[in-house]
Amino acid sequence: MINVYLTESGKIVEKEYKKNIESGSWVCLTNPTIEEMKFIEDKYNLEETFITAALDEEEMSRTEYDEDNGSTLIIMNFPIIIKEETNNIYKTIPLGIIHTEDVIITICLQDNAVYNFFKRNKNKSIDTKKKSRFILQIAYRIHTYFLTYLRQIEKEGNHIEDGIEKVTKNQAILHLLDLQKSLVFFSTSLSSNELVLRRIKRLQFITQYDEDEELLEDTIIENKQAIDTAKIYSSILKSTMEAISSIINNNMNIVMKSLTVLTMVLSLPTMVYSWYGMNVSLPYMNNEFAYVWITLVSLIPLIIVVYLSKKRLI
């Protein structure tokens, strides 16, 4: 799908892309078809890989320059939430940004929070005609979402940690594993984004204005903060997993101890009754109260074992 947006009177307005696309527009591609990609490639004389690269889920953050037409490709990974029945899954996917002489082109596999923010935003500071600043505003928004989703991961981890004594179901443990995996994705993407931001700093069309340089510095700071936050949360989740593992092992030891005591309690009467069930001459075998004495003899060790178990002496 292709959508075209242009800032008019301080507002972002959607335009018809099949007509003439005005200079200073934002051309937004969302999981485009082959025909749509071909249309954009021909119109702006782009390399095919400039568009297809951003449609690869495994694509890492990077920059690329085309000397033939002066266009620059910037790919950054950004976070998304996949909502499942019980838990949220956090992943990262690439977002491609192409800077041309006329327009800014963005490419992504799916509609996302970054797109929606700029489509709905009424902030007059966002102007698609100021292409370098618009690119930096997209980069800044990407890293604010990283921090937002990291806080959500922290809340979900804290919720599991609050009930750590009651964690007996595999679902909670699997949720923690998913959160750890998400933090790995985030850390990897943020590190590659950091390299891209440093390369962007060397691009001449980005550093023309002081305000753009300040925005770039703010974005670098947001990225660094997100990297540090991801490391901290990853360490916390690792400690939580170790604590849960210890609790599970302790609970298993308690269960095994209880089963051992129960086995002893049941085996002692069985042993006594087995002795007096043999077809040989035994003491008191002709006594009419032999059964009572046998029962008492069986109960005495049983009571002793139970008492010692209650006192945690065995």
C-alpha atoms as a PDB file:
ATOM      1  CA  MET A   1       0.000   0.000   0.000  1.00  0.00           C
ATOM      2  CA  ILE A   2       1.176   3.506  -0.830  1.00  0.00           C
ATOM      3  CA  ASN A   3       0.116   6.597   1.082  1.00  0.00           C
ATOM      4  CA  VAL A   4       1.374  10.098   0.396  1.00  0.00           C
ATOM      5  CA  TYR A   5       1.357  12.839   3.034  1.00  0.00           C
ATOM      6  CA  LEU A   6       2.276  16.504   2.821  1.00  0.00           C
ATOM      7  CA  THR A   7       2.444  19.201   5.463  1.00  0.00           C
ATOM      8  CA  GLU A   8      -0.006  22.014   4.715  1.00  0.00           C
ATOM      9  CA  SER A   9      -0.757  24.873   7.128  1.00  0.00           C
ATOM     10  CA  GLY A  10       1.024  23.030   9.930  1.00  0.00           C
ATOM     11  CA  LYS A  11      -0.937  19.799   9.425  1.00  0.00           C
ATOM     12  CA  ILE A  12      -0.069  16.532   7.722  1.00  0.00           C
ATOM     13  CA  VAL A  13      -2.591  15.957   4.942  1.00  0.00           C
ATOM     14  CA  GLU A  14      -2.998  12.777   2.889  1.00  0.00           C
ATOM     15  CA  LYS A  15      -2.684  13.149  -0.879  1.00  0.00           C
ATOM     16  CA  GLU A  16      -3.569  10.972  -3.851  1.00  0.00           C
ATOM     17  CA  TYR A  17      -0.389   9.228  -4.915  1.00  0.00           C
ATOM     18  CA  LYS A  18      -1.577   8.314  -8.407  1.00  0.00           C
ATOM     19  CA  LYS A  19      -1.563  11.976  -9.274  1.00  0.00           C
ATOM     20  CA  ASN A  20       1.579  14.078  -9.274  1.00  0.00           C
ATOM     21  CA  ILE A  21       3.470  13.631  -5.986  1.00  0.00           C
ATOM     22  CA  GLU A  22       4.527  17.076  -4.816  1.00  0.00           C
ATOM     23  CA  SER A  23       8.055  17.879  -3.753  1.00  0.00           C
ATOM     24  CA  GLY A  24       8.471  17.693   0.021  1.00  0.00           C
ATOM     25  CA  SER A  25       5.958  14.827   0.392  1.00  0.00           C
ATOM     26  CA  TRP A  26       6.276  11.814   2.631  1.00  0.00           C
ATOM     27  CA  VAL A  27       5.727   8.655   0.561  1.00  0.00           C
ATOM     28  CA  CYS A  28       4.726   5.901   2.985  1.00  0.00           C
ATOM     29  CA  LEU A  29       4.973   2.295   1.750  1.00  0.00           C
ATOM     30  CA  THR A  30       3.357  -0.421   3.874  1.00  0.00           C
ATOM     31  CA  ASN A  31       3.964  -3.992   2.686  1.00  0.00           C
ATOM     32  CA  PRO A  32       3.883  -2.794  -0.945  1.00  0.00           C
ATOM     33  CA  THR A  33       3.022  -5.000  -3.891  1.00  0.00           C
ATOM     34  CA  ILE A  34       5.481  -5.631  -6.724  1.00  0.00           C
ATOM     35  CA  GLU A  35       3.605  -3.124  -8.914  1.00  0.00           C
ATOM     36  CA  GLU A  36       3.756  -0.451  -6.196  1.00  0.00           C
ATOM     37  CA  MET A  37       7.472  -1.010  -5.655  1.00  0.00           C
ATOM     38  CA  LYS A  38       8.089  -0.824  -9.401  1.00  0.00           C
ATOM     39  CA  PHE A  39       6.128   2.429  -9.582  1.00  0.00           C
ATOM     40  CA  ILE A  40       8.243   4.093  -6.863  1.00  0.00           C
ATOM     41  CA  GLU A  41      11.515   2.702  -8.267  1.00  0.00           C
ATOM     42  CA  ASP A  42      10.812   4.078 -11.742  1.00  0.00           C
ATOM     43  CA  LYS A  43       9.474   7.411 -10.513  1.00  0.00           C
ATOM     44  CA  TYR A  44      12.516   8.206  -8.360  1.00  0.00           C
ATOM     45  CA  ASN A  45      15.107   6.117 -10.229  1.00  0.00           C
ATOM     46  CA  LEU A  46      15.841   3.971  -7.168  1.00  0.00           C
ATOM     47  CA  GLU A  47      17.770   0.769  -6.856  1.00  0.00           C
ATOM     48  CA  GLU A  48      15.470  -2.220  -6.334  1.00  0.00           C
ATOM     49  CA  THR A  49      17.388  -3.237  -3.229  1.00  0.00           C
ATOM     50  CA  PHE A  50      16.643   0.109  -1.586  1.00  0.00           C
ATOM     51  CA  ILE A  51      13.010  -0.932  -1.194  1.00  0.00           C
ATOM     52  CA  THR A  52      13.276  -4.711  -0.865  1.00  0.00           C
ATOM     53  CA  ALA A  53      15.943  -4.520   1.869  1.00  0.00           C
ATOM     54  CA  ALA A  54      13.516  -2.962   4.332  1.00  0.00           C
ATOM     55  CA  LEU A  55      10.988  -5.732   3.640  1.00  0.00           C
ATOM     56  CA  ASP A  56      13.329  -8.408   5.012  1.00  0.00           C
ATOM     57  CA  GLU A  57      12.508  -9.100   8.663  1.00  0.00           C
ATOM     58  CA  GLU A  58      16.118 -10.117   9.332  1.00  0.00           C
ATOM     59  CA  GLU A  59      17.633  -6.954   7.843  1.00  0.00           C
ATOM     60  CA  MET A  60      19.992  -5.158  10.220  1.00  0.00           C
ATOM     61  CA  SER A  61      20.259  -1.401  10.635  1.00  0.00           C
ATOM     62  CA  ARG A  62      22.563   0.194   8.066  1.00  0.00           C
ATOM     63  CA  THR A  63      23.004   3.079   5.620  1.00  0.00           C
ATOM     64  CA  GLU A  64      23.676   3.042   1.900  1.00  0.00           C
ATOM     65  CA  TYR A  65      24.300   5.811  -0.639  1.00  0.00           C
ATOM     66  CA  ASP A  66      23.489   5.720  -4.366  1.00  0.00           C
ATOM     67  CA  GLU A  67      25.861   7.999  -6.266  1.00  0.00           C
ATOM     68  CA  ASP A  68      23.828   7.798  -9.491  1.00  0.00           C
ATOM     69  CA  ASN A  69      20.830   9.728  -8.173  1.00  0.00           C
ATOM     70  CA  GLY A  70      22.103  11.053  -4.837  1.00  0.00           C
ATOM     71  CA  SER A  71      19.587   9.066  -2.755  1.00  0.00           C
ATOM     72  CA  THR A  72      20.433   7.703   0.685  1.00  0.00           C
ATOM     73  CA  LEU A  73      18.942   4.618   2.310  1.00  0.00           C
ATOM     74  CA  ILE A  74      18.728   4.463   6.117  1.00  0.00           C
ATOM     75  CA  ILE A  75      17.438   1.294   7.758  1.00  0.00           C
ATOM     76  CA  MET A  76      16.635   1.234  11.469  1.00  0.00           C
ATOM     77  CA  ASN A  77      15.044  -1.490  13.537  1.00  0.00           C
ATOM     78  CA  PHE A  78      12.139  -0.477  15.725  1.00  0.00           C
ATOM     79  CA  PRO A  79       9.990  -2.335  18.291  1.00  0.00           C
ATOM     80  CA  ILE A  80       6.555  -3.830  17.755  1.00  0.00           C
ATOM     81  CA  ILE A  81       4.113  -5.704  20.000  1.00  0.00           C
ATOM     82  CA  ILE A  82       2.505  -8.952  18.894  1.00  0.00           C
ATOM     83  CA  LYS A  83      -0.547  -9.548  21.067  1.00  0.00           C
ATOM     84  CA  GLU A  84      -1.307 -13.196  21.850  1.00  0.00           C
ATOM     85  CA  GLU A  85      -4.053 -14.759  23.968  1.00  0.00           C
ATOM     86  CA  THR A  86      -2.226 -14.469  27.274  1.00  0.00           C
ATOM     87  CA  ASN A  87       1.047 -12.568  26.759  1.00  0.00           C
ATOM     88  CA  ASN A  88       2.545  -9.806  24.656  1.00  0.00           C
ATOM     89  CA  ILE A  89       5.463 -10.702  22.405  1.00  0.00           C
ATOM     90  CA  TYR A  90       7.982  -7.930  21.713  1.00  0.00           C
ATOM     91  CA  LYS A  91      10.019  -8.023  18.509  1.00  0.00           C
ATOM     92  CA  THR A  92      11.857  -5.653  16.193  1.00  0.00           C
ATOM     93  CA  ILE A  93      11.436  -5.162  12.453  1.00  0.00           C
ATOM     94  CA  PRO A  94      13.279  -2.883  10.009  1.00  0.00           C
ATOM     95  CA  LEU A  95      12.011   0.493   8.843  1.00  0.00           C
ATOM     96  CA  GLY A  96      13.598   1.853   5.674  1.00  0.00           C
ATOM     97  CA  ILE A  97      13.940   5.599   5.093  1.00  0.00           C
ATOM     98  CA  ILE A  98      15.025   6.855   1.659  1.00  0.00           C
ATOM     99  CA  HIS A  99      16.153  10.450   1.287  1.00  0.00           C
ATOM    100  CA  THR A 100      15.793  11.763  -2.281  1.00  0.00           C
ATOM    101  CA  GLU A 101      16.048  15.243  -3.749  1.00  0.00           C
ATOM    102  CA  ASP A 102      12.241  15.571  -3.856  1.00  0.00           C
ATOM    103  CA  VAL A 103      10.629  13.360  -1.200  1.00  0.00           C
ATOM    104  CA  ILE A 104      11.158  11.164   1.834  1.00  0.00           C
ATOM    105  CA  ILE A 105      10.165   7.525   1.313  1.00  0.00           C
ATOM    106  CA  THR A 106       9.580   5.087   4.174  1.00  0.00           C
ATOM    107  CA  ILE A 107       9.147   1.342   3.735  1.00  0.00           C
ATOM    108  CA  CYS A 108       7.921  -1.191   6.288  1.00  0.00           C
ATOM    109  CA  LEU A 109       6.340  -4.639   6.298  1.00  0.00           C
ATOM    110  CA  GLN A 110       3.352  -3.518   8.356  1.00  0.00           C
ATOM    111  CA  ASP A 111       1.503  -0.528   9.675  1.00  0.00           C
ATOM    112  CA  ASN A 112       3.058   0.510  12.951  1.00  0.00           C
ATOM    113  CA  ALA A 113       3.068   2.963  15.845  1.00  0.00           C
ATOM    114  CA  VAL A 114       5.724   5.162  14.206  1.00  0.00           C
ATOM    115  CA  TYR A 115       3.609   5.636  11.081  1.00  0.00           C
ATOM    116  CA  ASN A 116       0.474   6.268  13.110  1.00  0.00           C
ATOM    117  CA  PHE A 117       2.193   8.856  15.291  1.00  0.00           C
ATOM    118  CA  PHE A 118       3.080  11.072  12.331  1.00  0.00           C
ATOM    119  CA  LYS A 119      -0.209  10.488  10.514  1.00  0.00           C
ATOM    120  CA  ARG A 120      -2.218  11.675  13.521  1.00  0.00           C
ATOM    121  CA  ASN A 121       0.222  14.252  14.848  1.00  0.00           C
ATOM    122  CA  LYS A 122      -0.830  17.910  14.751  1.00  0.00           C
ATOM    123  CA  ASN A 123       2.459  19.282  16.064  1.00  0.00           C
ATOM    124  CA  LYS A 124       3.563  22.157  13.840  1.00  0.00           C
ATOM    125  CA  SER A 125       7.215  21.232  14.376  1.00  0.00           C
ATOM    126  CA  ILE A 126       6.708  18.238  12.079  1.00  0.00           C
ATOM    127  CA  ASP A 127       7.109  19.326   8.480  1.00  0.00           C
ATOM    128  CA  THR A 128       7.574  16.770   5.701  1.00  0.00           C
ATOM    129  CA  LYS A 129       9.163  19.477   3.531  1.00  0.00           C
ATOM    130  CA  LYS A 130      12.090  19.710   5.964  1.00  0.00           C
ATOM    131  CA  LYS A 131      13.377  16.330   4.921  1.00  0.00           C
ATOM    132  CA  SER A 132      16.486  16.016   7.098  1.00  0.00           C
ATOM    133  CA  ARG A 133      14.595  17.050  10.235  1.00  0.00           C
ATOM    134  CA  PHE A 134      11.712  14.718   9.376  1.00  0.00           C
ATOM    135  CA  ILE A 135      14.156  11.792   9.154  1.00  0.00           C
ATOM    136  CA  LEU A 136      15.584  12.675  12.562  1.00  0.00           C
ATOM    137  CA  GLN A 137      12.081  13.003  14.021  1.00  0.00           C
ATOM    138  CA  ILE A 138      11.322   9.473  12.798  1.00  0.00           C
ATOM    139  CA  ALA A 139      14.581   8.189  14.348  1.00  0.00           C
ATOM    140  CA  TYR A 140      13.804   9.970  17.623  1.00  0.00           C
ATOM    141  CA  ARG A 141      10.279   8.524  17.717  1.00  0.00           C
ATOM    142  CA  ILE A 142      11.662   5.006  17.102  1.00  0.00           C
ATOM    143  CA  HIS A 143      13.841   5.226  20.209  1.00  0.00           C
ATOM    144  CA  THR A 144      11.108   6.703  22.391  1.00  0.00           C
ATOM    145  CA  TYR A 145       9.043   3.609  21.549  1.00  0.00           C
ATOM    146  CA  PHE A 146      11.977   1.422  22.567  1.00  0.00           C
ATOM    147  CA  LEU A 147      11.936   3.072  26.000  1.00  0.00           C
ATOM    148  CA  THR A 148       8.142   2.806  26.220  1.00  0.00           C
ATOM    149  CA  TYR A 149       8.134  -0.913  25.447  1.00  0.00           C
ATOM    150  CA  LEU A 150      11.061  -1.513  27.803  1.00  0.00           C
ATOM    151  CA  ARG A 151       8.986  -0.044  30.624  1.00  0.00           C
ATOM    152  CA  GLN A 152       6.127  -2.381  29.680  1.00  0.00           C
ATOM    153  CA  ILE A 153       8.510  -5.335  29.789  1.00  0.00           C
ATOM    154  CA  GLU A 154       9.643  -4.188  33.240  1.00  0.00           C
ATOM    155  CA  LYS A 155       6.020  -4.031  34.459  1.00  0.00           C
ATOM    156  CA  GLU A 156       5.268  -7.527  33.164  1.00  0.00           C
ATOM    157  CA  GLY A 157       8.449  -8.862  34.769  1.00  0.00           C
ATOM    158  CA  ASN A 158       7.589  -7.156  38.081  1.00  0.00           C
ATOM    159  CA  HIS A 159       4.089  -8.654  37.974  1.00  0.00           C
ATOM    160  CA  ILE A 160       5.551 -12.151  37.707  1.00  0.00           C
ATOM    161  CA  GLU A 161       8.168 -11.356  40.359  1.00  0.00           C
ATOM    162  CA  ASP A 162       5.491 -10.166  42.820  1.00  0.00           C
ATOM    163  CA  GLY A 163       3.916 -13.601  42.691  1.00  0.00           C
ATOM    164  CA  ILE A 164       7.196 -15.498  42.576  1.00  0.00           C
ATOM    165  CA  GLU A 165       6.273 -17.683  45.566  1.00  0.00           C
ATOM    166  CA  LYS A 166       3.207 -18.909  43.686  1.00  0.00           C
ATOM    167  CA  VAL A 167       4.946 -19.549  40.368  1.00  0.00           C
ATOM    168  CA  THR A 168       4.138 -23.190  39.715  1.00  0.00           C
ATOM    169  CA  LYS A 169       2.777 -23.069  36.174  1.00  0.00           C
ATOM    170  CA  ASN A 170       4.917 -23.314  33.072  1.00  0.00           C
ATOM    171  CA  GLN A 171       3.034 -20.351  31.580  1.00  0.00           C
ATOM    172  CA  ALA A 172       4.710 -17.812  33.896  1.00  0.00           C
ATOM    173  CA  ILE A 173       8.149 -19.286  33.253  1.00  0.00           C
ATOM    174  CA  LEU A 174       7.600 -19.293  29.485  1.00  0.00           C
ATOM    175  CA  HIS A 175       6.453 -15.666  29.722  1.00  0.00           C
ATOM    176  CA  LEU A 176       9.729 -14.742  31.415  1.00  0.00           C
ATOM    177  CA  LEU A 177      11.655 -16.546  28.680  1.00  0.00           C
ATOM    178  CA  ASP A 178       9.737 -14.564  26.048  1.00  0.00           C
ATOM    179  CA  LEU A 179      10.584 -11.321  27.844  1.00  0.00           C
ATOM    180  CA  GLN A 180      14.265 -12.291  27.977  1.00  0.00           C
ATOM    181  CA  LYS A 181      14.196 -13.077  24.267  1.00  0.00           C
ATOM    182  CA  SER A 182      12.569  -9.695  23.595  1.00  0.00           C
ATOM    183  CA  LEU A 183      15.348  -7.928  25.495  1.00  0.00           C
ATOM    184  CA  VAL A 184      17.926  -9.732  23.370  1.00  0.00           C
ATOM    185  CA  PHE A 185      16.158  -8.491  20.215  1.00  0.00           C
ATOM    186  CA  PHE A 186      16.007  -4.978  21.638  1.00  0.00           C
ATOM    187  CA  SER A 187      19.668  -4.907  22.691  1.00  0.00           C
ATOM    188  CA  THR A 188      20.849  -6.164  19.293  1.00  0.00           C
ATOM    189  CA  SER A 189      18.676  -3.686  17.383  1.00  0.00           C
ATOM    190  CA  LEU A 190      19.649  -0.752  19.596  1.00  0.00           C
ATOM    191  CA  SER A 191      23.347  -1.502  19.158  1.00  0.00           C
ATOM    192  CA  SER A 192      23.030  -1.575  15.362  1.00  0.00           C
ATOM    193  CA  ASN A 193      20.884   1.585  15.473  1.00  0.00           C
ATOM    194  CA  GLU A 194      23.652   3.290  17.430  1.00  0.00           C
ATOM    195  CA  LEU A 195      26.105   2.642  14.589  1.00  0.00           C
ATOM    196  CA  VAL A 196      23.613   4.033  12.072  1.00  0.00           C
ATOM    197  CA  LEU A 197      23.086   7.191  14.128  1.00  0.00           C
ATOM    198  CA  ARG A 198      26.837   7.779  14.181  1.00  0.00           C
ATOM    199  CA  ARG A 199      26.944   7.382  10.391  1.00  0.00           C
ATOM    200  CA  ILE A 200      23.988   9.732  10.005  1.00  0.00           C
ATOM    201  CA  LYS A 201      25.975  12.314  11.938  1.00  0.00           C
ATOM    202  CA  ARG A 202      28.474  12.361   9.075  1.00  0.00           C
ATOM    203  CA  LEU A 203      25.829  12.942   6.370  1.00  0.00           C
ATOM    204  CA  GLN A 204      26.032  16.500   5.045  1.00  0.00           C
ATOM    205  CA  PHE A 205      22.304  16.959   4.456  1.00  0.00           C
ATOM    206  CA  ILE A 206      21.606  16.045   8.095  1.00  0.00           C
ATOM    207  CA  THR A 207      24.050  18.431   9.776  1.00  0.00           C
ATOM    208  CA  GLN A 208      23.197  21.588   7.808  1.00  0.00           C
ATOM    209  CA  TYR A 209      21.168  23.174  10.619  1.00  0.00           C
ATOM    210  CA  ASP A 210      21.875  23.558  14.338  1.00  0.00           C
ATOM    211  CA  GLU A 211      18.355  22.402  15.300  1.00  0.00           C
ATOM    212  CA  ASP A 212      18.865  19.183  13.332  1.00  0.00           C
ATOM    213  CA  GLU A 213      22.172  18.541  15.080  1.00  0.00           C
ATOM    214  CA  GLU A 214      20.498  19.026  18.461  1.00  0.00           C
ATOM    215  CA  LEU A 215      17.722  16.617  17.518  1.00  0.00           C
ATOM    216  CA  LEU A 216      20.298  14.067  16.380  1.00  0.00           C
ATOM    217  CA  GLU A 217      22.147  14.403  19.693  1.00  0.00           C
ATOM    218  CA  ASP A 218      18.851  13.907  21.558  1.00  0.00           C
ATOM    219  CA  THR A 219      18.212  10.768  19.505  1.00  0.00           C
ATOM    220  CA  ILE A 220      21.679   9.406  20.304  1.00  0.00           C
ATOM    221  CA  ILE A 221      21.034  10.057  24.003  1.00  0.00           C
ATOM    222  CA  GLU A 222      17.663   8.243  23.797  1.00  0.00           C
ATOM    223  CA  ASN A 223      19.384   5.319  22.099  1.00  0.00           C
ATOM    224  CA  LYS A 224      22.095   5.151  24.772  1.00  0.00           C
ATOM    225  CA  GLN A 225      19.469   5.302  27.522  1.00  0.00           C
ATOM    226  CA  ALA A 226      17.489   2.498  25.865  1.00  0.00           C
ATOM    227  CA  ILE A 227      20.642   0.330  25.596  1.00  0.00           C
ATOM    228  CA  ASP A 228      21.449   0.818  29.286  1.00  0.00           C
ATOM    229  CA  THR A 229      17.830   0.179  30.282  1.00  0.00           C
ATOM    230  CA  ALA A 230      17.703  -3.043  28.248  1.00  0.00           C
ATOM    231  CA  LYS A 231      20.886  -4.282  29.964  1.00  0.00           C
ATOM    232  CA  ILE A 232      19.486  -3.515  33.423  1.00  0.00           C
ATOM    233  CA  TYR A 233      16.142  -5.207  32.746  1.00  0.00           C
ATOM    234  CA  SER A 234      17.900  -8.213  31.211  1.00  0.00           C
ATOM    235  CA  SER A 235      19.990  -8.582  34.365  1.00  0.00           C
ATOM    236  CA  ILE A 236      16.873  -8.294  36.555  1.00  0.00           C
ATOM    237  CA  LEU A 237      15.002 -10.924  34.532  1.00  0.00           C
ATOM    238  CA  LYS A 238      18.015 -13.236  34.696  1.00  0.00           C
ATOM    239  CA  SER A 239      18.043 -12.913  38.497  1.00  0.00           C
ATOM    240  CA  THR A 240      14.296 -13.559  38.602  1.00  0.00           C
ATOM    241  CA  MET A 241      14.699 -16.711  36.517  1.00  0.00           C
ATOM    242  CA  GLU A 242      17.462 -17.943  38.840  1.00  0.00           C
ATOM    243  CA  ALA A 243      15.263 -17.248  41.869  1.00  0.00           C
ATOM    244  CA  ILE A 244      12.347 -19.139  40.309  1.00  0.00           C
ATOM    245  CA  SER A 245      14.678 -22.048  39.503  1.00  0.00           C
ATOM    246  CA  SER A 246      15.812 -22.139  43.146  1.00  0.00           C
ATOM    247  CA  ILE A 247      12.218 -22.031  44.387  1.00  0.00           C
ATOM    248  CA  ILE A 248      11.212 -24.870  42.066  1.00  0.00           C
ATOM    249  CA  ASN A 249      14.160 -26.976  43.256  1.00  0.00           C
ATOM    250  CA  ASN A 250      13.337 -26.211  46.890  1.00  0.00           C
ATOM    251  CA  ASN A 251       9.684 -27.141  46.360  1.00  0.00           C
ATOM    252  CA  MET A 252      10.773 -30.379  44.720  1.00  0.00           C
ATOM    253  CA  ASN A 253      13.009 -31.186  47.690  1.00  0.00           C
ATOM    254  CA  ILE A 254      10.099 -30.588  50.067  1.00  0.00           C
ATOM    255  CA  VAL A 255       7.866 -32.875  48.018  1.00  0.00           C
ATOM    256  CA  MET A 256      10.527 -35.593  47.900  1.00  0.00           C
ATOM    257  CA  LYS A 257      11.036 -35.316  51.665  1.00  0.00           C
ATOM    258  CA  SER A 258       7.289 -35.649  52.259  1.00  0.00           C
ATOM    259  CA  LEU A 259       7.136 -38.688  50.000  1.00  0.00           C
ATOM    260  CA  THR A 260      10.097 -40.251  51.848  1.00  0.00           C
ATOM    261  CA  VAL A 261       8.419 -39.749  55.233  1.00  0.00           C
ATOM    262  CA  LEU A 262       5.156 -41.139  53.870  1.00  0.00           C
ATOM    263  CA  THR A 263       7.009 -44.201  52.552  1.00  0.00           C
ATOM    264  CA  MET A 264       8.571 -44.767  55.981  1.00  0.00           C
ATOM    265  CA  VAL A 265       5.204 -44.364  57.731  1.00  0.00           C
ATOM    266  CA  LEU A 266       3.571 -46.905  55.448  1.00  0.00           C
ATOM    267  CA  SER A 267       6.455 -49.387  55.439  1.00  0.00           C
ATOM    268  CA  LEU A 268       6.831 -49.800  59.234  1.00  0.00           C
ATOM    269  CA  PRO A 269       3.344 -51.310  59.910  1.00  0.00           C
ATOM    270  CA  THR A 270       3.743 -53.405  56.785  1.00  0.00           C
ATOM    271  CA  MET A 271       6.993 -54.865  58.084  1.00  0.00           C
ATOM    272  CA  VAL A 272       5.499 -55.767  61.499  1.00  0.00           C
ATOM    273  CA  TYR A 273       2.373 -57.335  60.016  1.00  0.00           C
ATOM    274  CA  SER A 274       4.514 -59.231  57.505  1.00  0.00           C
ATOM    275  CA  TRP A 275       6.528 -60.830  60.317  1.00  0.00           C
ATOM    276  CA  TYR A 276       3.416 -62.061  62.044  1.00  0.00           C
ATOM    277  CA  GLY A 277       1.942 -63.260  58.807  1.00  0.00           C
ATOM    278  CA  MET A 278       4.601 -65.952  58.324  1.00  0.00           C
ATOM    279  CA  ASN A 279       3.566 -69.608  58.642  1.00  0.00           C
ATOM    280  CA  VAL A 280       6.053 -70.373  61.458  1.00  0.00           C
ATOM    281  CA  SER A 281       5.895 -70.423  65.225  1.00  0.00           C
ATOM    282  CA  LEU A 282       5.988 -66.869  66.630  1.00  0.00           C
ATOM    283  CA  PRO A 283       5.842 -65.404  70.152  1.00  0.00           C
ATOM    284  CA  TYR A 284       2.315 -64.772  71.480  1.00  0.00           C
ATOM    285  CA  MET A 285       0.791 -66.430  68.423  1.00  0.00           C
ATOM    286  CA  ASN A 286      -1.801 -68.165  70.634  1.00  0.00           C
ATOM    287  CA  ASN A 287      -2.571 -65.076  72.729  1.00  0.00           C
ATOM    288  CA  GLU A 288      -6.088 -63.766  72.127  1.00  0.00           C
ATOM    289  CA  PHE A 289      -4.795 -60.156  72.439  1.00  0.00           C
ATOM    290  CA  ALA A 290      -1.894 -60.695  70.030  1.00  0.00           C
ATOM    291  CA  TYR A 291      -3.561 -58.547  67.352  1.00  0.00           C
ATOM    292  CA  VAL A 292      -3.808 -55.603  69.781  1.00  0.00           C
ATOM    293  CA  TRP A 293      -0.145 -55.884  70.741  1.00  0.00           C
ATOM    294  CA  ILE A 294       0.934 -56.165  67.114  1.00  0.00           C
ATOM    295  CA  THR A 295      -1.069 -53.034  66.275  1.00  0.00           C
ATOM    296  CA  LEU A 296       0.507 -51.109  69.151  1.00  0.00           C
ATOM    297  CA  VAL A 297       3.992 -52.230  68.124  1.00  0.00           C
ATOM    298  CA  SER A 298       3.209 -51.008  64.589  1.00  0.00           C
ATOM    299  CA  LEU A 299       1.860 -47.647  65.748  1.00  0.00           C
ATOM    300  CA  ILE A 300       4.759 -46.769  68.072  1.00  0.00           C
ATOM    301  CA  PRO A 301       7.440 -46.366  65.352  1.00  0.00           C
ATOM    302  CA  LEU A 302       4.840 -44.712  63.121  1.00  0.00           C
ATOM    303  CA  ILE A 303       4.126 -42.093  65.811  1.00  0.00           C
ATOM    304  CA  ILE A 304       7.858 -41.581  66.370  1.00  0.00           C
ATOM    305  CA  VAL A 305       8.487 -40.967  62.659  1.00  0.00           C
ATOM    306  CA  VAL A 306       5.585 -38.498  62.418  1.00  0.00           C
ATOM    307  CA  TYR A 307       6.805 -36.654  65.547  1.00  0.00           C
ATOM    308  CA  LEU A 308      10.356 -36.369  64.251  1.00  0.00           C
ATOM    309  CA  SER A 309       9.050 -35.175  60.890  1.00  0.00           C
ATOM    310  CA  LYS A 310       6.964 -32.440  62.565  1.00  0.00           C
ATOM    311  CA  LYS A 311      10.006 -31.319  64.530  1.00  0.00           C
ATOM    312  CA  ARG A 312      12.009 -31.375  61.261  1.00  0.00           C
ATOM    313  CA  LEU A 313      14.532 -33.748  62.812  1.00  0.00           C
ATOM    314  CA  ILE A 314      14.353 -36.006  59.799  1.00  0.00           C
END
